[in-house]
Amino acid sequence: MAGYSARYSAAVVKLLKTEGGFVDDPRDHGGATNFGISLRFLASEGAFDGDGDGKLDFDLDMDGDIDGADIRRLSRDDAAAIYHQCFWQKVGAESLPPPLGEMVFDQAVNGGRSSAVKLLQRAVNDCLARAPKSATKPPLMPVDGIRGGTTDLAIRWVAQFPSMGVQAMVTAYREAAAERYRAIVFRNPSQKRFLAGWLNRANDLGR
């Protein structure tokens, strides 16, 4: 993993193991994926010419478009590069205390960047709501999926508060992720077959 931080290198190895290889289960609303990267995502965010050679970087079969054949051709190195550019960096995982950054990264890949940040905001709000009154305690923040100064201030406060700390946010984040998975199944019972695996994933976050 040359060129990546040691922290990202460790996080992406774990995530690649979790996501596995090519899957095209018609019952999975995510559609065809490889290493957790869907065709829809690859077609939208892989449609760029980063190396300036006049071709889309992830048109891997060089036929002029990004389609299912390109999903199948994705390598682990391709996936690691996409994860780093499109998820790790965009959610600012490196700047979050470990293992919180790794948890947000995992959920960004699994459910989208905004959703992962919303889970973080819900987790931090849960901690703030349970914390004793304090003159320095920040107010609950909007759960809007946008990580800005208000979110980061609240994270720092919870991380430093004696009866809370990072572990309180880790526990609350796992619970928020599990709740998201249950809500998916509630809205669409056809996804129930995936719930046990999803809940295992939520429970494994940050471990």
Protein backbone atom coordinates (compact mmCIF):
# COMPACT_ATOMS: atom_id res chain seq x y z
CA MET A 1 0.00 0.00 0.00
CA ALA A 2 2.79 2.40 -0.94
CA GLY A 3 1.70 6.04 -0.92
CA TYR A 4 -1.04 5.53 1.67
CA SER A 5 -0.86 6.21 5.39
CA ALA A 6 -0.28 3.22 7.65
CA ARG A 7 -3.72 3.81 9.12
CA TYR A 8 -5.46 3.71 5.74
CA SER A 9 -3.45 0.69 4.63
CA ALA A 10 -4.67 -1.28 7.66
CA ALA A 11 -8.25 -0.06 7.27
CA VAL A 12 -8.51 -0.96 3.59
CA VAL A 13 -7.13 -4.48 4.12
CA LYS A 14 -9.91 -5.13 6.62
CA LEU A 15 -12.55 -3.58 4.39
CA LEU A 16 -11.49 -5.54 1.32
CA LYS A 17 -11.84 -8.73 3.35
CA THR A 18 -15.31 -7.68 4.52
CA GLU A 19 -16.55 -6.72 1.05
CA GLY A 20 -15.20 -9.75 -0.81
CA GLY A 21 -15.09 -10.05 -4.60
CA PHE A 22 -17.59 -9.91 -7.44
CA VAL A 23 -21.26 -10.36 -6.48
CA ASP A 24 -24.35 -9.96 -8.66
CA ASP A 25 -27.27 -11.08 -6.52
CA PRO A 26 -30.57 -9.95 -8.10
CA ARG A 27 -32.12 -9.81 -4.62
CA ASP A 28 -29.53 -7.31 -3.45
CA HIS A 29 -30.62 -3.77 -4.29
CA GLY A 30 -26.98 -2.76 -4.52
CA GLY A 31 -26.74 -4.56 -7.84
CA ALA A 32 -23.49 -5.91 -9.30
CA THR A 33 -20.53 -5.08 -7.07
CA ASN A 34 -16.86 -5.94 -6.82
CA PHE A 35 -14.97 -5.27 -3.60
CA GLY A 36 -18.09 -3.41 -2.48
CA ILE A 37 -18.00 -1.00 -5.43
CA SER A 38 -21.22 -0.94 -7.43
CA LEU A 39 -21.54 -0.42 -11.15
CA ARG A 40 -23.65 2.69 -10.56
CA PHE A 41 -20.94 4.18 -8.34
CA LEU A 42 -18.11 3.25 -10.70
CA ALA A 43 -19.93 4.74 -13.69
CA SER A 44 -20.47 8.04 -11.89
CA GLU A 45 -17.29 8.52 -9.86
CA GLY A 46 -14.93 6.50 -12.05
CA ALA A 47 -15.78 8.51 -15.13
CA PHE A 48 -12.67 10.71 -14.98
CA ASP A 49 -9.27 10.85 -16.65
CA GLY A 50 -6.98 11.33 -13.70
CA ASP A 51 -3.80 10.34 -15.52
CA GLY A 52 -4.50 12.51 -18.56
CA ASP A 53 -4.22 9.76 -21.14
CA GLY A 54 -7.51 10.67 -22.83
CA LYS A 55 -9.36 7.62 -21.47
CA LEU A 56 -11.63 7.11 -18.47
CA ASP A 57 -9.46 5.67 -15.70
CA PHE A 58 -11.94 2.92 -14.83
CA ASP A 59 -12.93 2.00 -18.37
CA LEU A 60 -10.79 -1.04 -17.70
CA ASP A 61 -11.68 -2.92 -20.88
CA MET A 62 -11.12 0.31 -22.89
CA ASP A 63 -14.36 0.02 -24.87
CA GLY A 64 -15.39 3.63 -24.33
CA ASP A 65 -17.79 3.19 -21.41
CA ILE A 66 -17.94 1.91 -17.84
CA ASP A 67 -20.15 -1.15 -17.54
CA GLY A 68 -20.42 -4.58 -15.93
CA ALA A 69 -17.31 -5.82 -17.70
CA ASP A 70 -15.29 -3.10 -15.95
CA ILE A 71 -16.76 -4.03 -12.56
CA ARG A 72 -15.56 -7.60 -13.13
CA ARG A 73 -12.06 -6.38 -14.05
CA LEU A 74 -11.57 -4.28 -10.91
CA SER A 75 -8.46 -5.33 -8.98
CA ARG A 76 -7.77 -4.96 -5.27
CA ASP A 77 -5.42 -2.09 -6.08
CA ASP A 78 -8.14 -0.38 -8.14
CA ALA A 79 -10.57 -0.76 -5.26
CA ALA A 80 -8.04 0.60 -2.75
CA ALA A 81 -7.46 3.67 -4.93
CA ILE A 82 -11.20 4.32 -5.28
CA TYR A 83 -11.80 3.80 -1.56
CA HIS A 84 -9.02 6.24 -0.71
CA GLN A 85 -10.03 9.01 -3.12
CA CYS A 86 -13.80 8.71 -2.90
CA PHE A 87 -14.38 7.64 0.71
CA TRP A 88 -11.41 7.81 3.11
CA GLN A 89 -10.42 11.31 2.07
CA LYS A 90 -13.90 12.70 1.47
CA VAL A 91 -15.20 11.78 4.95
CA GLY A 92 -11.96 12.96 6.55
CA ALA A 93 -11.40 9.58 8.19
CA GLU A 94 -7.74 10.28 8.93
CA SER A 95 -8.65 13.31 11.07
CA LEU A 96 -11.11 11.37 13.24
CA PRO A 97 -9.83 9.60 16.35
CA PRO A 98 -9.21 5.88 15.83
CA PRO A 99 -11.15 3.69 15.46
CA LEU A 100 -13.94 6.17 14.71
CA GLY A 101 -12.44 7.17 11.37
CA GLU A 102 -12.25 3.53 10.30
CA MET A 103 -15.90 3.00 11.26
CA VAL A 104 -17.10 6.01 9.28
CA PHE A 105 -14.99 4.81 6.33
CA ASP A 106 -16.58 1.35 6.46
CA GLN A 107 -20.10 2.73 6.52
CA ALA A 108 -19.35 5.28 3.80
CA VAL A 109 -18.37 2.45 1.45
CA ASN A 110 -21.31 0.32 2.54
CA GLY A 111 -24.07 2.93 2.62
CA GLY A 112 -22.77 6.20 1.21
CA ARG A 113 -20.73 9.11 2.56
CA SER A 114 -23.67 11.21 3.76
CA SER A 115 -25.25 8.25 5.53
CA ALA A 116 -21.97 7.43 7.30
CA VAL A 117 -21.62 11.00 8.56
CA LYS A 118 -25.25 11.02 9.70
CA LEU A 119 -24.53 7.90 11.76
CA LEU A 120 -21.58 9.74 13.30
CA GLN A 121 -23.75 12.74 14.13
CA ARG A 122 -26.43 10.52 15.67
CA ALA A 123 -23.80 8.73 17.75
CA VAL A 124 -22.27 11.97 19.00
CA ASN A 125 -25.72 13.43 19.75
CA ASP A 126 -26.53 10.29 21.74
CA CYS A 127 -23.41 10.84 23.82
CA LEU A 128 -24.19 14.53 24.32
CA ALA A 129 -27.73 13.71 25.43
CA ARG A 130 -26.40 11.29 28.06
CA ALA A 131 -23.62 13.55 29.32
CA PRO A 132 -24.21 15.50 32.54
CA LYS A 133 -24.85 19.21 32.32
CA SER A 134 -21.73 21.23 31.68
CA ALA A 135 -21.08 24.85 30.83
CA THR A 136 -18.91 23.70 27.92
CA LYS A 137 -21.23 21.00 26.53
CA PRO A 138 -22.13 21.73 22.89
CA PRO A 139 -25.78 21.62 21.82
CA LEU A 140 -27.14 18.69 19.84
CA MET A 141 -26.25 19.09 16.18
CA PRO A 142 -28.42 18.73 13.07
CA VAL A 143 -28.15 15.27 11.55
CA ASP A 144 -27.54 16.49 8.02
CA GLY A 145 -24.68 14.31 6.79
CA ILE A 146 -22.36 17.30 6.51
CA ARG A 147 -19.23 17.11 8.62
CA GLY A 148 -18.23 20.61 9.56
CA GLY A 149 -16.99 22.61 12.51
CA THR A 150 -20.07 21.94 14.66
CA THR A 151 -19.67 18.17 14.27
CA ASP A 152 -15.93 18.25 14.94
CA LEU A 153 -16.36 20.46 18.03
CA ALA A 154 -18.87 18.01 19.48
CA ILE A 155 -16.60 15.04 18.71
CA ARG A 156 -13.68 16.68 20.50
CA TRP A 157 -15.85 17.50 23.51
CA VAL A 158 -17.18 13.95 23.88
CA ALA A 159 -13.68 12.49 23.32
CA GLN A 160 -12.28 14.58 26.19
CA PHE A 161 -15.21 14.32 28.61
CA PRO A 162 -14.17 12.03 31.49
CA SER A 163 -17.27 9.83 31.58
CA MET A 164 -17.50 9.55 27.78
CA GLY A 165 -14.41 9.44 25.61
CA VAL A 166 -13.94 7.86 22.19
CA GLN A 167 -15.30 4.51 23.36
CA ALA A 168 -18.70 6.03 24.06
CA MET A 169 -18.90 7.26 20.46
CA VAL A 170 -17.71 3.88 19.16
CA THR A 171 -20.47 2.06 21.02
CA ALA A 172 -23.09 4.59 19.94
CA TYR A 173 -21.92 4.38 16.32
CA ARG A 174 -22.29 0.59 16.30
CA GLU A 175 -25.83 0.98 17.63
CA ALA A 176 -26.67 3.64 15.04
CA ALA A 177 -25.35 1.43 12.22
CA ALA A 178 -27.41 -1.54 13.45
CA GLU A 179 -30.49 0.69 13.59
CA ARG A 180 -29.88 1.78 9.98
CA TYR A 181 -29.74 -1.85 8.83
CA ARG A 182 -32.94 -2.71 10.70
CA ALA A 183 -34.65 0.31 9.12
CA ILE A 184 -33.68 -0.92 5.65
CA VAL A 185 -35.35 -4.26 6.35
CA PHE A 186 -38.40 -2.59 7.89
CA ARG A 187 -38.88 -0.52 4.75
CA ASN A 188 -38.21 -3.49 2.48
CA PRO A 189 -38.73 -6.93 4.07
CA SER A 190 -37.21 -8.62 0.99
CA GLN A 191 -33.82 -7.55 2.37
CA LYS A 192 -34.27 -9.54 5.59
CA ARG A 193 -32.01 -12.31 4.31
CA PHE A 194 -29.07 -9.89 4.59
CA LEU A 195 -29.87 -8.62 8.10
CA ALA A 196 -27.85 -11.09 10.16
CA GLY A 197 -24.71 -10.34 8.14
CA TRP A 198 -25.34 -6.61 8.32
CA LEU A 199 -25.77 -6.71 12.10
CA ASN A 200 -22.52 -8.69 12.40
CA ARG A 201 -20.86 -5.97 10.36
CA ALA A 202 -22.25 -3.26 12.64
CA ASN A 203 -21.05 -5.13 15.73
CA ASP A 204 -17.57 -5.58 14.22
CA LEU A 205 -17.07 -1.87 13.54
CA GLY A 206 -13.98 -0.52 15.22
CA ARG A 207 -12.71 -3.86 16.44
